[in-house]
Amino acid sequence: MTLSVARLDEWFVVVDGRTPVKTPGGTPVVSHHRELAEHMARDIAATGRDPTHRTNMFALQAGYLDFGLTVPRSDLEVPVIQMWKSDIFVNRPADPELMMPLMALWGLERLGRAEFEEAVHRLTLRQLMVLMQCGAQYQSSAIGLELLSSDRDPTGLALGACARYWAYLNRNLTLANGYLGFGGDGGRHDSVDRDDDYCDERCCVEDGPPEDLPEHCPIHRVFVTMRKWAAYPEELPA
């Protein structure tokens, strides 16, 4: 597989030799932005043509091309808004002893449901697609909105969404206070790309997480990728 980026009218197309690479929906992998197209070519070379394997620039753009530009906007907003009922960022433990660890990581939820819906209606299409992905992958559309609403480091968001860190908090709370703890994984994400040794020895420890977490945490890496992808100007249908 020899991937490169070719110019076709106003589009930059990812090609294998002279053949355009296509999404699972049969759409050529394209962008108006050369930097994004080149990044997608690197992603495909590294992880293959199935966008469900990794959340990277290619995966985000594939969903955008296959669904974002073809499905009515109102239909895309429905699952994002409906996620509110079970959203882990919104539906936090009521007991203060359980709530405080998440408060330290996530801060307060700033919006009620009505304000959240209004914010969703104002999003760009790229931003809306990020919220959809966060809902599907991290059980929280609100995390996506929080991610895109500021430029702060996403370490706290990543730790609060991580099943491994959730289990660490659960163990500590149970041992220290005799509680049953949070229970299960709390709907958190268990990344297949995690470094178990790093998680156990550097991150999920009393004096963690360390400063080099962004270099090792796959959830942090995905959040940074989502933020960067969402910042590209919108594509227009060909």
Protein backbone atom coordinates (compact mmCIF):
# COMPACT_ATOMS: atom_id res chain seq x y z
CA MET A 1 0.00 0.00 0.00
CA THR A 2 1.58 3.24 -1.21
CA LEU A 3 -0.48 6.12 0.10
CA SER A 4 -0.15 9.73 -0.92
CA VAL A 5 -2.28 12.84 -1.35
CA ALA A 6 -3.35 14.02 -4.80
CA ARG A 7 -5.08 17.24 -5.85
CA LEU A 8 -8.43 16.89 -7.62
CA ASP A 9 -10.07 20.21 -8.38
CA GLU A 10 -10.59 21.82 -4.94
CA TRP A 11 -10.12 18.57 -3.01
CA PHE A 12 -7.11 16.79 -1.62
CA VAL A 13 -7.65 13.05 -2.04
CA VAL A 14 -5.90 10.18 -0.26
CA VAL A 15 -4.83 7.72 -2.97
CA ASP A 16 -3.24 4.30 -3.07
CA GLY A 17 -1.10 4.55 -6.16
CA ARG A 18 -3.58 6.24 -8.49
CA THR A 19 -6.73 4.84 -6.86
CA PRO A 20 -8.68 6.94 -4.35
CA VAL A 21 -8.99 5.36 -0.92
CA LYS A 22 -12.64 5.12 0.14
CA THR A 23 -14.53 5.09 3.42
CA PRO A 24 -16.70 2.10 4.40
CA GLY A 25 -19.61 4.04 2.89
CA GLY A 26 -17.83 4.23 -0.45
CA THR A 27 -16.91 7.90 -0.21
CA PRO A 28 -13.43 8.96 -1.37
CA VAL A 29 -11.29 10.05 1.57
CA VAL A 30 -11.00 13.76 0.83
CA SER A 31 -10.61 17.17 2.41
CA HIS A 32 -10.21 20.76 1.31
CA HIS A 33 -7.31 20.95 3.76
CA ARG A 34 -4.01 19.42 2.66
CA GLU A 35 -2.72 19.07 6.23
CA LEU A 36 -5.79 17.04 7.18
CA ALA A 37 -5.54 14.86 4.07
CA GLU A 38 -1.87 14.14 4.76
CA HIS A 39 -2.68 13.28 8.36
CA MET A 40 -5.39 10.87 7.19
CA ALA A 41 -2.94 9.18 4.84
CA ARG A 42 -0.58 8.60 7.76
CA ASP A 43 -3.42 7.26 9.90
CA ILE A 44 -4.53 4.79 7.23
CA ALA A 45 -0.95 3.62 6.69
CA ALA A 46 -0.56 3.06 10.44
CA THR A 47 -3.91 1.50 11.40
CA GLY A 48 -5.62 0.42 8.17
CA ARG A 49 -8.77 1.41 6.32
CA ASP A 50 -11.32 0.41 8.97
CA PRO A 51 -12.16 3.64 10.86
CA THR A 52 -13.62 1.66 13.77
CA HIS A 53 -10.17 0.40 14.78
CA ARG A 54 -8.90 3.72 16.13
CA THR A 55 -10.31 7.18 16.76
CA ASN A 56 -7.96 9.27 14.65
CA MET A 57 -8.22 11.98 12.00
CA PHE A 58 -9.18 9.42 9.36
CA ALA A 59 -11.92 7.89 11.53
CA LEU A 60 -13.41 11.28 12.37
CA GLN A 61 -13.33 12.44 8.75
CA ALA A 62 -14.80 9.15 7.50
CA GLY A 63 -17.82 9.55 9.76
CA TYR A 64 -18.13 13.17 8.71
CA LEU A 65 -18.06 12.30 5.00
CA ASP A 66 -20.37 9.28 5.24
CA PHE A 67 -22.89 10.68 7.71
CA GLY A 68 -22.25 14.30 8.64
CA LEU A 69 -22.56 15.63 5.11
CA THR A 70 -25.42 13.33 4.10
CA VAL A 71 -27.74 12.96 7.11
CA PRO A 72 -30.09 15.82 8.09
CA ARG A 73 -28.67 17.92 10.88
CA SER A 74 -31.71 17.36 13.09
CA ASP A 75 -31.22 13.58 12.91
CA LEU A 76 -27.60 13.94 13.97
CA GLU A 77 -28.56 16.03 16.99
CA VAL A 78 -31.11 13.54 18.36
CA PRO A 79 -28.69 10.95 19.84
CA VAL A 80 -26.48 13.71 21.24
CA ILE A 81 -29.35 15.31 23.12
CA GLN A 82 -30.92 12.01 24.19
CA MET A 83 -27.59 10.97 25.72
CA TRP A 84 -28.28 13.47 28.52
CA LYS A 85 -30.40 10.94 30.43
CA SER A 86 -27.47 8.56 30.89
CA ASP A 87 -24.52 10.88 30.30
CA ILE A 88 -21.78 10.04 32.82
CA PHE A 89 -20.56 13.66 32.91
CA VAL A 90 -24.02 14.83 33.98
CA ASN A 91 -25.23 11.88 36.07
CA ARG A 92 -22.63 11.80 38.81
CA PRO A 93 -22.78 10.07 42.21
CA ALA A 94 -25.02 11.93 44.67
CA ASP A 95 -22.92 11.09 47.74
CA PRO A 96 -20.34 13.85 48.32
CA GLU A 97 -17.69 11.27 49.14
CA LEU A 98 -18.22 9.75 45.71
CA MET A 99 -18.67 13.05 43.91
CA MET A 100 -15.50 14.80 45.05
CA PRO A 101 -12.97 12.76 43.02
CA LEU A 102 -14.92 13.53 39.85
CA MET A 103 -15.33 17.16 40.85
CA ALA A 104 -11.54 17.45 41.07
CA LEU A 105 -11.15 15.99 37.59
CA TRP A 106 -14.11 17.48 35.75
CA GLY A 107 -15.21 20.53 37.66
CA LEU A 108 -18.89 21.43 37.79
CA GLU A 109 -21.39 20.66 35.06
CA ARG A 110 -22.09 24.17 33.86
CA LEU A 111 -25.27 23.59 31.83
CA GLY A 112 -28.75 22.30 32.50
CA ARG A 113 -30.52 20.23 29.88
CA ALA A 114 -32.16 23.21 28.15
CA GLU A 115 -28.85 25.07 27.97
CA PHE A 116 -27.13 21.93 26.71
CA GLU A 117 -29.66 21.55 23.88
CA GLU A 118 -29.21 25.19 22.91
CA ALA A 119 -25.44 24.70 22.85
CA VAL A 120 -25.82 21.63 20.63
CA HIS A 121 -27.92 23.62 18.14
CA ARG A 122 -25.11 26.21 17.90
CA LEU A 123 -22.32 23.75 17.19
CA THR A 124 -20.56 23.50 13.87
CA LEU A 125 -21.06 20.19 12.08
CA ARG A 126 -17.56 19.02 12.99
CA GLN A 127 -18.16 19.84 16.63
CA LEU A 128 -21.46 17.98 16.56
CA MET A 129 -19.72 14.91 15.13
CA VAL A 130 -17.22 15.03 18.01
CA LEU A 131 -20.07 15.03 20.52
CA MET A 132 -21.61 12.05 18.73
CA GLN A 133 -18.30 10.19 18.92
CA CYS A 134 -17.87 11.01 22.61
CA GLY A 135 -21.37 9.75 23.29
CA ALA A 136 -20.69 6.48 21.51
CA GLN A 137 -17.19 5.92 22.84
CA TYR A 138 -17.19 7.53 26.28
CA GLN A 139 -20.90 7.47 27.21
CA SER A 140 -20.91 11.26 27.39
CA SER A 141 -21.78 13.89 24.81
CA ALA A 142 -21.30 16.52 27.50
CA ILE A 143 -17.61 15.58 27.76
CA GLY A 144 -17.30 16.45 24.08
CA LEU A 145 -18.90 19.84 24.65
CA GLU A 146 -16.62 20.48 27.62
CA LEU A 147 -13.61 19.46 25.52
CA LEU A 148 -14.48 21.87 22.72
CA SER A 149 -15.58 24.76 24.95
CA SER A 150 -12.08 25.55 26.19
CA ASP A 151 -8.45 25.01 25.33
CA ARG A 152 -7.50 23.66 28.76
CA ASP A 153 -5.45 20.51 29.02
CA PRO A 154 -7.86 17.52 28.78
CA THR A 155 -6.06 15.39 31.38
CA GLY A 156 -8.88 15.66 33.91
CA LEU A 157 -11.52 14.81 31.31
CA ALA A 158 -9.48 11.82 30.18
CA LEU A 159 -8.94 10.44 33.68
CA GLY A 160 -12.60 10.80 34.59
CA ALA A 161 -13.59 8.88 31.44
CA CYS A 162 -11.07 6.07 31.97
CA ALA A 163 -12.23 2.71 33.32
CA ARG A 164 -8.78 1.95 34.70
CA TYR A 165 -8.57 5.21 36.67
CA TRP A 166 -12.18 4.78 37.81
CA ALA A 167 -11.26 1.37 39.24
CA TYR A 168 -8.29 2.95 41.03
CA LEU A 169 -10.55 5.60 42.62
CA ASN A 170 -13.01 2.87 43.56
CA ARG A 171 -10.35 0.80 45.33
CA ASN A 172 -9.03 3.78 47.25
CA LEU A 173 -12.47 4.90 48.37
CA THR A 174 -13.41 1.41 49.51
CA LEU A 175 -10.18 0.91 51.46
CA ALA A 176 -10.20 4.35 53.06
CA ASN A 177 -13.86 4.70 54.00
CA GLY A 178 -15.38 1.25 53.92
CA TYR A 179 -17.77 2.20 51.12
CA LEU A 180 -18.84 -0.24 48.49
CA GLY A 181 -17.34 2.23 46.06
CA PHE A 182 -18.50 3.25 42.62
CA GLY A 183 -19.07 -0.30 41.41
CA GLY A 184 -18.15 -1.80 38.04
CA ASP A 185 -16.48 0.46 35.54
CA GLY A 186 -19.06 3.22 35.87
CA GLY A 187 -19.62 3.14 32.12
CA ARG A 188 -16.04 4.31 31.59
CA HIS A 189 -13.90 3.57 28.57
CA ASP A 190 -11.31 0.79 28.67
CA SER A 191 -8.87 1.64 25.90
CA VAL A 192 -7.29 -1.19 23.92
CA ASP A 193 -4.24 1.03 23.38
CA ARG A 194 -3.44 1.52 27.04
CA ASP A 195 -0.02 0.78 28.48
CA ASP A 196 -0.85 -1.44 31.47
CA ASP A 197 2.53 -0.94 33.13
CA TYR A 198 2.28 2.82 32.83
CA CYS A 199 -1.31 2.81 34.11
CA ASP A 200 -0.49 0.69 37.15
CA GLU A 201 2.90 2.13 38.05
CA ARG A 202 2.72 5.80 37.04
CA CYS A 203 -0.88 6.95 36.60
CA CYS A 204 -3.17 5.00 38.94
CA VAL A 205 -1.06 5.64 42.03
CA GLU A 206 -1.28 7.98 45.00
CA ASP A 207 1.05 10.65 43.61
CA GLY A 208 -0.14 10.29 40.00
CA PRO A 209 -0.86 11.20 37.34
CA PRO A 210 2.61 12.30 36.17
CA GLU A 211 3.40 15.21 33.90
CA ASP A 212 4.17 12.93 30.97
CA LEU A 213 0.63 11.47 30.92
CA PRO A 214 -0.25 13.13 27.57
CA GLU A 215 2.52 11.08 25.94
CA HIS A 216 1.12 7.79 27.25
CA CYS A 217 -2.64 8.11 27.73
CA PRO A 218 -4.66 7.00 24.67
CA ILE A 219 -7.81 8.80 25.84
CA HIS A 220 -5.89 12.06 26.24
CA ARG A 221 -4.45 11.53 22.76
CA VAL A 222 -7.91 11.00 21.28
CA PHE A 223 -9.26 14.13 22.98
CA VAL A 224 -6.43 16.22 21.55
CA THR A 225 -7.11 14.73 18.10
CA MET A 226 -10.83 15.48 18.37
CA ARG A 227 -10.16 19.08 19.33
CA LYS A 228 -7.72 19.56 16.45
CA TRP A 229 -10.03 17.90 13.90
CA ALA A 230 -13.03 19.95 15.01
CA ALA A 231 -11.06 23.17 14.48
CA TYR A 232 -10.73 22.64 10.71
CA PRO A 233 -13.16 24.70 8.63
CA GLU A 234 -16.18 22.80 7.37
CA GLU A 235 -16.00 20.86 4.12
CA LEU A 236 -18.58 21.59 1.45
CA PRO A 237 -20.22 18.73 -0.49
CA ALA A 238 -18.66 18.25 -3.92
